[in-house]
């Protein structure tokens, strides 16, 4: 539940829908704002405005017995697959 001084959830959701709607091949208003903001911050730090690398980390989870490869994540001390 939201604090009493927040707007109704429907108001926030309506704005999110409008801001995230895409017009043909263009980015949505929300995507454009996020890209511009991130680019400006990166440039102010002396870096390229656009990222060239993305790293995604996933939780270590057990896989089925049909997995071909097995490994060990020594940092978490769990078996990554298997």
C-alpha atoms as a PDB file:
ATOM      1  CA  UNK A   1       0.000   0.000   0.000  1.00  0.00           C
ATOM      2  CA  UNK A   2       1.253   3.473  -0.885  1.00  0.00           C
ATOM      3  CA  UNK A   3       1.642   6.281   1.666  1.00  0.00           C
ATOM      4  CA  UNK A   4      -1.322   8.658   1.911  1.00  0.00           C
ATOM      5  CA  UNK A   5       0.500  11.524   0.145  1.00  0.00           C
ATOM      6  CA  UNK A   6       1.125   9.454  -3.028  1.00  0.00           C
ATOM      7  CA  UNK A   7      -1.301   9.727  -5.945  1.00  0.00           C
ATOM      8  CA  UNK A   8      -3.660   6.861  -6.646  1.00  0.00           C
ATOM      9  CA  UNK A   9      -1.942   3.881  -8.280  1.00  0.00           C
ATOM     10  CA  UNK A  10      -4.060   4.287 -11.399  1.00  0.00           C
ATOM     11  CA  UNK A  11      -2.659   7.788 -12.006  1.00  0.00           C
ATOM     12  CA  UNK A  12       0.914   6.515 -11.892  1.00  0.00           C
ATOM     13  CA  UNK A  13       0.056   3.562 -14.115  1.00  0.00           C
ATOM     14  CA  UNK A  14      -1.621   5.807 -16.692  1.00  0.00           C
ATOM     15  CA  UNK A  15       1.480   8.005 -16.905  1.00  0.00           C
ATOM     16  CA  UNK A  16       3.710   4.926 -17.234  1.00  0.00           C
ATOM     17  CA  UNK A  17       1.538   3.635 -20.097  1.00  0.00           C
ATOM     18  CA  UNK A  18       1.746   6.973 -21.941  1.00  0.00           C
ATOM     19  CA  UNK A  19       5.494   7.346 -21.399  1.00  0.00           C
ATOM     20  CA  UNK A  20       6.315   3.760 -22.406  1.00  0.00           C
ATOM     21  CA  UNK A  21       4.139   3.695 -25.567  1.00  0.00           C
ATOM     22  CA  UNK A  22       6.212   3.379 -28.759  1.00  0.00           C
ATOM     23  CA  UNK A  23       5.485   5.333 -31.920  1.00  0.00           C
ATOM     24  CA  UNK A  24       6.410   3.191 -34.969  1.00  0.00           C
ATOM     25  CA  UNK A  25      10.237   2.794 -35.064  1.00  0.00           C
ATOM     26  CA  UNK A  26      11.066   5.453 -32.467  1.00  0.00           C
ATOM     27  CA  UNK A  27      11.948   4.894 -28.824  1.00  0.00           C
ATOM     28  CA  UNK A  28       9.264   5.558 -26.242  1.00  0.00           C
ATOM     29  CA  UNK A  29       9.443   8.807 -24.286  1.00  0.00           C
ATOM     30  CA  UNK A  30      10.659   6.876 -21.232  1.00  0.00           C
ATOM     31  CA  UNK A  31      13.424   5.052 -23.193  1.00  0.00           C
ATOM     32  CA  UNK A  32      14.583   8.298 -24.799  1.00  0.00           C
ATOM     33  CA  UNK A  33      14.741  10.069 -21.428  1.00  0.00           C
ATOM     34  CA  UNK A  34      16.699   7.227 -19.861  1.00  0.00           C
ATOM     35  CA  UNK A  35      19.145   7.048 -22.790  1.00  0.00           C
ATOM     36  CA  UNK A  36      19.704  10.809 -22.770  1.00  0.00           C
ATOM     37  CA  UNK A  37      20.215  10.902 -19.004  1.00  0.00           C
ATOM     38  CA  UNK A  38      22.635   7.981 -18.977  1.00  0.00           C
ATOM     39  CA  UNK A  39      24.529   9.396 -21.956  1.00  0.00           C
ATOM     40  CA  UNK A  40      24.938  12.781 -20.302  1.00  0.00           C
ATOM     41  CA  UNK A  41      26.215  11.250 -17.071  1.00  0.00           C
ATOM     42  CA  UNK A  42      28.671   9.012 -18.957  1.00  0.00           C
ATOM     43  CA  UNK A  43      29.983  12.003 -20.916  1.00  0.00           C
ATOM     44  CA  UNK A  44      30.366  14.081 -17.752  1.00  0.00           C
ATOM     45  CA  UNK A  45      32.570  11.269 -16.407  1.00  0.00           C
ATOM     46  CA  UNK A  46      34.741  11.464 -19.529  1.00  0.00           C
ATOM     47  CA  UNK A  47      33.343   8.281 -21.043  1.00  0.00           C
ATOM     48  CA  UNK A  48      31.589   7.457 -24.312  1.00  0.00           C
ATOM     49  CA  UNK A  49      27.871   8.293 -24.227  1.00  0.00           C
ATOM     50  CA  UNK A  50      26.937   4.790 -25.441  1.00  0.00           C
ATOM     51  CA  UNK A  51      27.880   1.590 -23.686  1.00  0.00           C
ATOM     52  CA  UNK A  52      29.890  -0.976 -25.617  1.00  0.00           C
ATOM     53  CA  UNK A  53      29.549  -3.876 -23.205  1.00  0.00           C
ATOM     54  CA  UNK A  54      26.788  -5.313 -21.075  1.00  0.00           C
ATOM     55  CA  UNK A  55      27.217  -7.938 -18.373  1.00  0.00           C
ATOM     56  CA  UNK A  56      24.228  -9.860 -17.069  1.00  0.00           C
ATOM     57  CA  UNK A  57      24.576 -11.906 -13.893  1.00  0.00           C
ATOM     58  CA  UNK A  58      22.078 -14.634 -13.125  1.00  0.00           C
ATOM     59  CA  UNK A  59      21.498 -16.502  -9.894  1.00  0.00           C
ATOM     60  CA  UNK A  60      23.167 -19.860  -9.559  1.00  0.00           C
ATOM     61  CA  UNK A  61      20.425 -22.445  -9.848  1.00  0.00           C
ATOM     62  CA  UNK A  62      20.357 -26.175 -10.135  1.00  0.00           C
ATOM     63  CA  UNK A  63      19.715 -27.557 -13.582  1.00  0.00           C
ATOM     64  CA  UNK A  64      18.202 -30.857 -14.612  1.00  0.00           C
ATOM     65  CA  UNK A  65      20.242 -34.031 -14.870  1.00  0.00           C
ATOM     66  CA  UNK A  66      20.151 -33.688 -18.647  1.00  0.00           C
ATOM     67  CA  UNK A  67      22.670 -30.809 -18.617  1.00  0.00           C
ATOM     68  CA  UNK A  68      25.748 -31.580 -20.686  1.00  0.00           C
ATOM     69  CA  UNK A  69      28.193 -29.270 -18.913  1.00  0.00           C
ATOM     70  CA  UNK A  70      28.731 -28.913 -15.203  1.00  0.00           C
ATOM     71  CA  UNK A  71      30.643 -26.166 -13.439  1.00  0.00           C
ATOM     72  CA  UNK A  72      31.430 -24.732 -10.041  1.00  0.00           C
ATOM     73  CA  UNK A  73      31.028 -21.118  -9.033  1.00  0.00           C
ATOM     74  CA  UNK A  74      33.807 -20.921  -6.462  1.00  0.00           C
ATOM     75  CA  UNK A  75      32.814 -17.418  -5.372  1.00  0.00           C
ATOM     76  CA  UNK A  76      29.398 -18.624  -4.244  1.00  0.00           C
ATOM     77  CA  UNK A  77      30.598 -22.147  -3.444  1.00  0.00           C
ATOM     78  CA  UNK A  78      27.678 -23.699  -5.246  1.00  0.00           C
ATOM     79  CA  UNK A  79      27.403 -25.943  -8.220  1.00  0.00           C
ATOM     80  CA  UNK A  80      26.215 -23.819 -11.156  1.00  0.00           C
ATOM     81  CA  UNK A  81      24.667 -26.654 -13.112  1.00  0.00           C
ATOM     82  CA  UNK A  82      23.829 -30.183 -12.180  1.00  0.00           C
END
